Amino acid sequence: MFSELINFILIVGLAAIQSIVGVGVLVVGTPTLLLLNLPMIEIMNFLLPISILTSLLNIIIIKKQNNFFYNFDRLKNFFKLCIPSVFIGLIILKYLDKLINFDYVVSFIIILTLLFRENISKIFKKISKRINKIILVIIGIIHGMTNSGGSLLSIMMMNLNKSKKNSRSEITLFYFILALLQFFLLYLIFGVTISIDQFYITLVYIVIGVVLGNVLLKFTKESLYQNLVYILAFISSTTLILKNII
């Protein structure tokens, strides 16, 4: 898709960010690639395997460090509500891809989430379990359509967990499942395929990014990198809007 140097920088950078925060490959990568005028289906086909492998490697590392955590009830609701909603989002994408400018949709969702993340955090702390279930459905639909449900999912998990380690562990697990099933549905609905020749070098780049991210995590506060993801996503989103205006 790109030159080898750009591929290396992009994949290593996104994998490193996701290794630190739990999300990043899709949240930052999607608006970045939309800037290059790539179609949403092609972007998903490129980014989803990177996100899946990055999360899987981090789950293995987290388990080896004995920091692995997830809430069973939340995981159960995630499968029951969020995953089927991803299918709905992908169906909407299939039939409205040529009618909707997804530059605006992705930008609007990310910017809205970033600007009101503090308010969203307070809301998550106060709302009932029933409303939480509705939010999981919304996250699934948004993610299926735009790849941009991760920012809202991460805010939700950070406010449902008291520990940063628990938050990162649960976000990584949920994001792995979300991306894996999204890619499976993408294959069923759109018939996308992975290039095996490019897969091996991509895997090497992902491993480098995961190692780099986990090394940086030991020396730097996670909050700094959470803000880094917010800043990068905001810049990408606003640039997407300007691209369509200018």
C-alpha atoms as a PDB file:
ATOM      1  CA  MET A   1       0.000   0.000   0.000  1.00  0.00           C
ATOM      2  CA  PHE A   2       2.837   2.398   0.919  1.00  0.00           C
ATOM      3  CA  SER A   3       6.605   2.533   0.583  1.00  0.00           C
ATOM      4  CA  GLU A   4       8.431   0.221   2.995  1.00  0.00           C
ATOM      5  CA  LEU A   5       9.728   3.098   5.126  1.00  0.00           C
ATOM      6  CA  ILE A   6       6.262   4.632   5.563  1.00  0.00           C
ATOM      7  CA  ASN A   7       4.856   1.163   6.304  1.00  0.00           C
ATOM      8  CA  PHE A   8       7.518   0.645   8.980  1.00  0.00           C
ATOM      9  CA  ILE A   9       6.957   4.032  10.659  1.00  0.00           C
ATOM     10  CA  LEU A  10       3.166   3.725  10.520  1.00  0.00           C
ATOM     11  CA  ILE A  11       2.885   0.160  11.816  1.00  0.00           C
ATOM     12  CA  VAL A  12       5.575   0.454  14.499  1.00  0.00           C
ATOM     13  CA  GLY A  13       4.172   3.784  15.712  1.00  0.00           C
ATOM     14  CA  LEU A  14       0.550   2.601  15.873  1.00  0.00           C
ATOM     15  CA  ALA A  15       1.496  -0.714  17.526  1.00  0.00           C
ATOM     16  CA  ALA A  16       3.593   1.130  20.129  1.00  0.00           C
ATOM     17  CA  ILE A  17       0.759   3.547  20.978  1.00  0.00           C
ATOM     18  CA  GLN A  18      -1.774   0.710  21.268  1.00  0.00           C
ATOM     19  CA  SER A  19       0.632  -1.280  23.457  1.00  0.00           C
ATOM     20  CA  ILE A  20       0.731   1.587  25.943  1.00  0.00           C
ATOM     21  CA  VAL A  21      -2.898   2.687  25.984  1.00  0.00           C
ATOM     22  CA  GLY A  22      -4.848  -0.361  24.767  1.00  0.00           C
ATOM     23  CA  VAL A  23      -6.213   1.439  21.681  1.00  0.00           C
ATOM     24  CA  GLY A  24      -4.591   3.476  18.931  1.00  0.00           C
ATOM     25  CA  VAL A  25      -4.194   1.479  15.718  1.00  0.00           C
ATOM     26  CA  LEU A  26      -7.774   2.153  14.618  1.00  0.00           C
ATOM     27  CA  VAL A  27      -8.469   5.402  16.490  1.00  0.00           C
ATOM     28  CA  VAL A  28      -5.375   7.147  15.103  1.00  0.00           C
ATOM     29  CA  GLY A  29      -4.820   5.066  11.967  1.00  0.00           C
ATOM     30  CA  THR A  30      -8.294   5.448  10.447  1.00  0.00           C
ATOM     31  CA  PRO A  31      -8.387   9.265  10.158  1.00  0.00           C
ATOM     32  CA  THR A  32      -4.714   9.267   9.126  1.00  0.00           C
ATOM     33  CA  LEU A  33      -5.365   6.931   6.176  1.00  0.00           C
ATOM     34  CA  LEU A  34      -8.585   8.733   5.240  1.00  0.00           C
ATOM     35  CA  LEU A  35      -6.358  11.763   4.655  1.00  0.00           C
ATOM     36  CA  LEU A  36      -4.724   9.761   1.859  1.00  0.00           C
ATOM     37  CA  ASN A  37      -8.152   9.311   0.207  1.00  0.00           C
ATOM     38  CA  LEU A  38      -8.229   5.555   0.803  1.00  0.00           C
ATOM     39  CA  PRO A  39     -11.698   3.938   0.930  1.00  0.00           C
ATOM     40  CA  MET A  40     -12.965   2.826   4.348  1.00  0.00           C
ATOM     41  CA  ILE A  41     -13.047  -0.867   3.388  1.00  0.00           C
ATOM     42  CA  GLU A  42      -9.386  -0.788   2.311  1.00  0.00           C
ATOM     43  CA  ILE A  43      -8.444   1.027   5.531  1.00  0.00           C
ATOM     44  CA  MET A  44     -10.213  -1.594   7.648  1.00  0.00           C
ATOM     45  CA  ASN A  45      -8.543  -4.400   5.709  1.00  0.00           C
ATOM     46  CA  PHE A  46      -5.120  -2.833   6.370  1.00  0.00           C
ATOM     47  CA  LEU A  47      -5.553  -1.770  10.009  1.00  0.00           C
ATOM     48  CA  LEU A  48      -7.654  -4.539  11.552  1.00  0.00           C
ATOM     49  CA  PRO A  49      -4.985  -7.305  11.283  1.00  0.00           C
ATOM     50  CA  ILE A  50      -2.424  -4.900  12.797  1.00  0.00           C
ATOM     51  CA  SER A  51      -4.800  -4.109  15.677  1.00  0.00           C
ATOM     52  CA  ILE A  52      -5.637  -7.795  16.238  1.00  0.00           C
ATOM     53  CA  LEU A  53      -2.013  -8.943  16.374  1.00  0.00           C
ATOM     54  CA  THR A  54      -0.922  -5.982  18.506  1.00  0.00           C
ATOM     55  CA  SER A  55      -3.635  -6.678  21.085  1.00  0.00           C
ATOM     56  CA  LEU A  56      -2.947 -10.436  21.039  1.00  0.00           C
ATOM     57  CA  LEU A  57       0.770  -9.949  21.715  1.00  0.00           C
ATOM     58  CA  ASN A  58      -0.015  -7.530  24.529  1.00  0.00           C
ATOM     59  CA  ILE A  59      -2.512  -9.944  26.075  1.00  0.00           C
ATOM     60  CA  ILE A  60       0.244 -12.595  26.146  1.00  0.00           C
ATOM     61  CA  ILE A  61       2.663 -10.106  27.764  1.00  0.00           C
ATOM     62  CA  ILE A  62       0.065  -8.944  30.313  1.00  0.00           C
ATOM     63  CA  LYS A  63      -0.731 -12.574  31.250  1.00  0.00           C
ATOM     64  CA  LYS A  64       2.966 -13.385  31.705  1.00  0.00           C
ATOM     65  CA  GLN A  65       3.259 -10.375  34.017  1.00  0.00           C
ATOM     66  CA  ASN A  66       0.237 -11.658  36.008  1.00  0.00           C
ATOM     67  CA  ASN A  67      -1.626  -8.395  35.376  1.00  0.00           C
ATOM     68  CA  PHE A  68      -4.428  -9.903  33.276  1.00  0.00           C
ATOM     69  CA  PHE A  69      -7.904  -8.789  34.377  1.00  0.00           C
ATOM     70  CA  TYR A  70     -11.435  -8.681  33.003  1.00  0.00           C
ATOM     71  CA  ASN A  71     -14.931  -8.452  34.452  1.00  0.00           C
ATOM     72  CA  PHE A  72     -16.942 -11.512  33.381  1.00  0.00           C
ATOM     73  CA  ASP A  73     -20.324  -9.739  33.394  1.00  0.00           C
ATOM     74  CA  ARG A  74     -18.966  -6.927  31.210  1.00  0.00           C
ATOM     75  CA  LEU A  75     -17.379  -9.463  28.847  1.00  0.00           C
ATOM     76  CA  LYS A  76     -20.688 -11.323  28.594  1.00  0.00           C
ATOM     77  CA  ASN A  77     -22.590  -8.118  27.788  1.00  0.00           C
ATOM     78  CA  PHE A  78     -19.878  -7.186  25.307  1.00  0.00           C
ATOM     79  CA  PHE A  79     -20.477 -10.406  23.356  1.00  0.00           C
ATOM     80  CA  LYS A  80     -24.265 -10.157  23.586  1.00  0.00           C
ATOM     81  CA  LEU A  81     -24.622  -6.482  22.680  1.00  0.00           C
ATOM     82  CA  CYS A  82     -21.518  -4.901  21.185  1.00  0.00           C
ATOM     83  CA  ILE A  83     -20.462  -7.628  18.754  1.00  0.00           C
ATOM     84  CA  PRO A  84     -23.858  -8.004  16.972  1.00  0.00           C
ATOM     85  CA  SER A  85     -23.956  -4.206  16.686  1.00  0.00           C
ATOM     86  CA  VAL A  86     -20.654  -4.262  14.757  1.00  0.00           C
ATOM     87  CA  PHE A  87     -22.451  -6.382  12.143  1.00  0.00           C
ATOM     88  CA  ILE A  88     -25.174  -3.731  11.871  1.00  0.00           C
ATOM     89  CA  GLY A  89     -22.530  -1.025  11.451  1.00  0.00           C
ATOM     90  CA  LEU A  90     -20.791  -2.961   8.674  1.00  0.00           C
ATOM     91  CA  ILE A  91     -24.096  -3.504   6.844  1.00  0.00           C
ATOM     92  CA  ILE A  92     -24.753   0.247   7.020  1.00  0.00           C
ATOM     93  CA  LEU A  93     -21.236   0.839   5.660  1.00  0.00           C
ATOM     94  CA  LYS A  94     -21.825  -1.585   2.785  1.00  0.00           C
ATOM     95  CA  TYR A  95     -24.991   0.087   1.542  1.00  0.00           C
ATOM     96  CA  LEU A  96     -24.214   3.714   2.367  1.00  0.00           C
ATOM     97  CA  ASP A  97     -20.486   3.804   1.574  1.00  0.00           C
ATOM     98  CA  LYS A  98     -21.028   5.754  -1.663  1.00  0.00           C
ATOM     99  CA  LEU A  99     -23.677   8.043  -0.170  1.00  0.00           C
ATOM    100  CA  ILE A 100     -21.957   9.117   3.063  1.00  0.00           C
ATOM    101  CA  ASN A 101     -18.706  11.067   3.373  1.00  0.00           C
ATOM    102  CA  PHE A 102     -17.034   9.010   6.095  1.00  0.00           C
ATOM    103  CA  ASP A 103     -14.329  11.677   6.494  1.00  0.00           C
ATOM    104  CA  TYR A 104     -16.966  13.785   8.248  1.00  0.00           C
ATOM    105  CA  VAL A 105     -18.489  10.875  10.175  1.00  0.00           C
ATOM    106  CA  VAL A 106     -15.144   9.707  11.600  1.00  0.00           C
ATOM    107  CA  SER A 107     -14.046  13.283  12.363  1.00  0.00           C
ATOM    108  CA  PHE A 108     -17.318  14.158  14.086  1.00  0.00           C
ATOM    109  CA  ILE A 109     -17.340  11.037  16.286  1.00  0.00           C
ATOM    110  CA  ILE A 110     -13.693  11.361  17.360  1.00  0.00           C
ATOM    111  CA  ILE A 111     -13.820  15.124  17.974  1.00  0.00           C
ATOM    112  CA  LEU A 112     -17.099  14.849  19.905  1.00  0.00           C
ATOM    113  CA  THR A 113     -15.653  12.068  22.073  1.00  0.00           C
ATOM    114  CA  LEU A 114     -12.434  13.991  22.723  1.00  0.00           C
ATOM    115  CA  LEU A 115     -14.041  17.347  23.458  1.00  0.00           C
ATOM    116  CA  PHE A 116     -16.552  15.894  25.885  1.00  0.00           C
ATOM    117  CA  ARG A 117     -14.481  13.042  27.334  1.00  0.00           C
ATOM    118  CA  GLU A 118     -14.592  14.508  30.848  1.00  0.00           C
ATOM    119  CA  ASN A 119     -18.376  14.820  30.672  1.00  0.00           C
ATOM    120  CA  ILE A 120     -18.618  11.327  29.205  1.00  0.00           C
ATOM    121  CA  SER A 121     -16.461  10.051  32.081  1.00  0.00           C
ATOM    122  CA  LYS A 122     -18.851  11.575  34.651  1.00  0.00           C
ATOM    123  CA  ILE A 123     -21.842  10.146  32.807  1.00  0.00           C
ATOM    124  CA  PHE A 124     -20.346   6.627  32.825  1.00  0.00           C
ATOM    125  CA  LYS A 125     -19.895   6.847  36.603  1.00  0.00           C
ATOM    126  CA  LYS A 126     -23.536   7.779  37.194  1.00  0.00           C
ATOM    127  CA  ILE A 127     -25.539   5.816  34.638  1.00  0.00           C
ATOM    128  CA  SER A 128     -27.289   2.518  35.288  1.00  0.00           C
ATOM    129  CA  LYS A 129     -26.268  -0.862  33.933  1.00  0.00           C
ATOM    130  CA  ARG A 130     -29.145  -0.679  31.439  1.00  0.00           C
ATOM    131  CA  ILE A 131     -27.770   2.543  29.945  1.00  0.00           C
ATOM    132  CA  ASN A 132     -24.296   0.969  29.857  1.00  0.00           C
ATOM    133  CA  LYS A 133     -25.776  -1.792  27.706  1.00  0.00           C
ATOM    134  CA  ILE A 134     -27.246   0.763  25.298  1.00  0.00           C
ATOM    135  CA  ILE A 135     -23.849   2.455  25.056  1.00  0.00           C
ATOM    136  CA  LEU A 136     -22.245  -0.896  24.153  1.00  0.00           C
ATOM    137  CA  VAL A 137     -24.708  -1.197  21.265  1.00  0.00           C
ATOM    138  CA  ILE A 138     -23.868   2.338  20.090  1.00  0.00           C
ATOM    139  CA  ILE A 139     -20.116   1.629  20.331  1.00  0.00           C
ATOM    140  CA  GLY A 140     -20.565  -1.510  18.205  1.00  0.00           C
ATOM    141  CA  ILE A 141     -22.511   0.283  15.455  1.00  0.00           C
ATOM    142  CA  ILE A 142     -20.055   3.206  15.395  1.00  0.00           C
ATOM    143  CA  HIS A 143     -17.096   0.834  15.268  1.00  0.00           C
ATOM    144  CA  GLY A 144     -18.574  -1.246  12.464  1.00  0.00           C
ATOM    145  CA  MET A 145     -19.182   1.863  10.360  1.00  0.00           C
ATOM    146  CA  THR A 146     -16.086   3.910  11.087  1.00  0.00           C
ATOM    147  CA  ASN A 147     -13.398   2.005  13.090  1.00  0.00           C
ATOM    148  CA  SER A 148     -13.773   4.794  15.677  1.00  0.00           C
ATOM    149  CA  GLY A 149     -15.504   3.095  18.600  1.00  0.00           C
ATOM    150  CA  GLY A 150     -12.234   2.580  20.467  1.00  0.00           C
ATOM    151  CA  SER A 151     -12.012   6.055  22.000  1.00  0.00           C
ATOM    152  CA  LEU A 152     -15.479   5.731  23.530  1.00  0.00           C
ATOM    153  CA  LEU A 153     -14.778   2.142  24.614  1.00  0.00           C
ATOM    154  CA  SER A 154     -11.523   3.149  26.342  1.00  0.00           C
ATOM    155  CA  ILE A 155     -13.208   6.016  28.216  1.00  0.00           C
ATOM    156  CA  MET A 156     -15.947   3.635  29.335  1.00  0.00           C
ATOM    157  CA  MET A 157     -13.476   1.017  30.612  1.00  0.00           C
ATOM    158  CA  MET A 158     -11.245   3.569  32.360  1.00  0.00           C
ATOM    159  CA  ASN A 159     -14.245   4.760  34.353  1.00  0.00           C
ATOM    160  CA  LEU A 160     -15.519   1.304  35.223  1.00  0.00           C
ATOM    161  CA  ASN A 161     -12.111   0.248  36.613  1.00  0.00           C
ATOM    162  CA  LYS A 162     -10.307   1.723  39.622  1.00  0.00           C
ATOM    163  CA  SER A 163      -6.836   0.615  38.526  1.00  0.00           C
ATOM    164  CA  LYS A 164      -4.996   1.766  35.395  1.00  0.00           C
ATOM    165  CA  LYS A 165      -3.529  -1.720  35.035  1.00  0.00           C
ATOM    166  CA  ASN A 166      -7.008  -3.248  35.097  1.00  0.00           C
ATOM    167  CA  SER A 167      -8.239  -0.661  32.597  1.00  0.00           C
ATOM    168  CA  ARG A 168      -5.387  -1.356  30.159  1.00  0.00           C
ATOM    169  CA  SER A 169      -5.852  -5.110  30.507  1.00  0.00           C
ATOM    170  CA  GLU A 170      -9.609  -4.995  29.915  1.00  0.00           C
ATOM    171  CA  ILE A 171      -9.370  -2.458  27.071  1.00  0.00           C
ATOM    172  CA  THR A 172      -6.730  -4.621  25.357  1.00  0.00           C
ATOM    173  CA  LEU A 173      -8.877  -7.770  25.669  1.00  0.00           C
ATOM    174  CA  PHE A 174     -12.114  -6.126  24.549  1.00  0.00           C
ATOM    175  CA  TYR A 175     -10.402  -4.329  21.679  1.00  0.00           C
ATOM    176  CA  PHE A 176      -8.823  -7.605  20.527  1.00  0.00           C
ATOM    177  CA  ILE A 177     -12.213  -9.340  20.446  1.00  0.00           C
ATOM    178  CA  LEU A 178     -13.847  -6.340  18.765  1.00  0.00           C
ATOM    179  CA  ALA A 179     -11.240  -6.128  15.989  1.00  0.00           C
ATOM    180  CA  LEU A 180     -11.088  -9.901  15.469  1.00  0.00           C
ATOM    181  CA  LEU A 181     -14.824 -10.291  14.981  1.00  0.00           C
ATOM    182  CA  GLN A 182     -15.018  -7.092  12.945  1.00  0.00           C
ATOM    183  CA  PHE A 183     -12.412  -8.488  10.549  1.00  0.00           C
ATOM    184  CA  PHE A 184     -14.249 -11.829  10.356  1.00  0.00           C
ATOM    185  CA  LEU A 185     -17.498 -10.014   9.504  1.00  0.00           C
ATOM    186  CA  LEU A 186     -15.623  -7.828   7.016  1.00  0.00           C
ATOM    187  CA  TYR A 187     -14.483 -11.009   5.269  1.00  0.00           C
ATOM    188  CA  LEU A 188     -18.021 -12.421   5.184  1.00  0.00           C
ATOM    189  CA  ILE A 189     -19.709  -9.219   4.025  1.00  0.00           C
ATOM    190  CA  PHE A 190     -17.080  -7.713   1.706  1.00  0.00           C
ATOM    191  CA  GLY A 191     -14.900 -10.739   0.867  1.00  0.00           C
ATOM    192  CA  VAL A 192     -11.616  -9.017   1.796  1.00  0.00           C
ATOM    193  CA  THR A 193      -8.370 -11.003   1.938  1.00  0.00           C
ATOM    194  CA  ILE A 194      -4.900 -10.590   3.491  1.00  0.00           C
ATOM    195  CA  SER A 195      -1.745 -10.618   1.381  1.00  0.00           C
ATOM    196  CA  ILE A 196       0.370 -13.454   2.821  1.00  0.00           C
ATOM    197  CA  ASP A 197       3.558 -12.068   1.244  1.00  0.00           C
ATOM    198  CA  GLN A 198       3.170  -8.751   3.093  1.00  0.00           C
ATOM    199  CA  PHE A 199       1.905 -10.424   6.277  1.00  0.00           C
ATOM    200  CA  TYR A 200       5.306 -11.648   7.490  1.00  0.00           C
ATOM    201  CA  ILE A 201       7.057  -8.281   7.280  1.00  0.00           C
ATOM    202  CA  THR A 202       3.993  -6.645   8.869  1.00  0.00           C
ATOM    203  CA  LEU A 203       4.257  -9.097  11.772  1.00  0.00           C
ATOM    204  CA  VAL A 204       7.911  -8.141  12.293  1.00  0.00           C
ATOM    205  CA  TYR A 205       6.983  -4.439  12.387  1.00  0.00           C
ATOM    206  CA  ILE A 206       4.171  -5.148  14.870  1.00  0.00           C
ATOM    207  CA  VAL A 207       6.532  -7.065  17.186  1.00  0.00           C
ATOM    208  CA  ILE A 208       8.977  -4.136  17.109  1.00  0.00           C
ATOM    209  CA  GLY A 209       6.138  -1.719  17.938  1.00  0.00           C
ATOM    210  CA  VAL A 210       4.823  -3.901  20.786  1.00  0.00           C
ATOM    211  CA  VAL A 211       8.299  -4.266  22.328  1.00  0.00           C
ATOM    212  CA  LEU A 212       8.901  -0.507  21.996  1.00  0.00           C
ATOM    213  CA  GLY A 213       5.516   0.323  23.535  1.00  0.00           C
ATOM    214  CA  ASN A 214       6.033  -1.988  26.511  1.00  0.00           C
ATOM    215  CA  VAL A 215       9.527  -0.598  27.145  1.00  0.00           C
ATOM    216  CA  LEU A 216       8.202   2.997  27.072  1.00  0.00           C
ATOM    217  CA  LEU A 217       5.327   2.000  29.373  1.00  0.00           C
ATOM    218  CA  LYS A 218       7.821   1.138  32.131  1.00  0.00           C
ATOM    219  CA  PHE A 219       9.416   4.588  32.106  1.00  0.00           C
ATOM    220  CA  THR A 220       6.518   6.884  31.329  1.00  0.00           C
ATOM    221  CA  LYS A 221       3.150   7.581  32.921  1.00  0.00           C
ATOM    222  CA  GLU A 222       0.288   6.084  30.952  1.00  0.00           C
ATOM    223  CA  SER A 223      -1.703   9.300  31.221  1.00  0.00           C
ATOM    224  CA  LEU A 224       0.842  11.070  28.996  1.00  0.00           C
ATOM    225  CA  TYR A 225       0.307   8.545  26.236  1.00  0.00           C
ATOM    226  CA  GLN A 226      -3.462   8.617  26.651  1.00  0.00           C
ATOM    227  CA  ASN A 227      -3.262  12.353  26.006  1.00  0.00           C
ATOM    228  CA  LEU A 228      -0.950  11.642  23.056  1.00  0.00           C
ATOM    229  CA  VAL A 229      -3.615   9.449  21.442  1.00  0.00           C
ATOM    230  CA  TYR A 230      -6.234  12.154  22.058  1.00  0.00           C
ATOM    231  CA  ILE A 231      -3.989  14.820  20.484  1.00  0.00           C
ATOM    232  CA  LEU A 232      -3.080  12.707  17.443  1.00  0.00           C
ATOM    233  CA  ALA A 233      -6.693  11.692  16.863  1.00  0.00           C
ATOM    234  CA  PHE A 234      -7.837  15.305  17.195  1.00  0.00           C
ATOM    235  CA  ILE A 235      -5.234  16.570  14.716  1.00  0.00           C
ATOM    236  CA  SER A 236      -6.111  13.820  12.225  1.00  0.00           C
ATOM    237  CA  SER A 237      -9.837  14.491  12.562  1.00  0.00           C
ATOM    238  CA  THR A 238      -9.620  18.256  12.135  1.00  0.00           C
ATOM    239  CA  THR A 239      -7.296  17.774   9.161  1.00  0.00           C
ATOM    240  CA  LEU A 240      -9.900  15.477   7.571  1.00  0.00           C
ATOM    241  CA  ILE A 241     -12.514  18.230   7.846  1.00  0.00           C
ATOM    242  CA  LEU A 242     -10.171  20.857   6.417  1.00  0.00           C
ATOM    243  CA  LYS A 243      -9.297  18.523   3.530  1.00  0.00           C
ATOM    244  CA  ASN A 244     -12.956  18.504   2.461  1.00  0.00           C
ATOM    245  CA  ILE A 245     -13.428  22.253   2.918  1.00  0.00           C
ATOM    246  CA  ILE A 246     -10.317  23.641   1.243  1.00  0.00           C
END
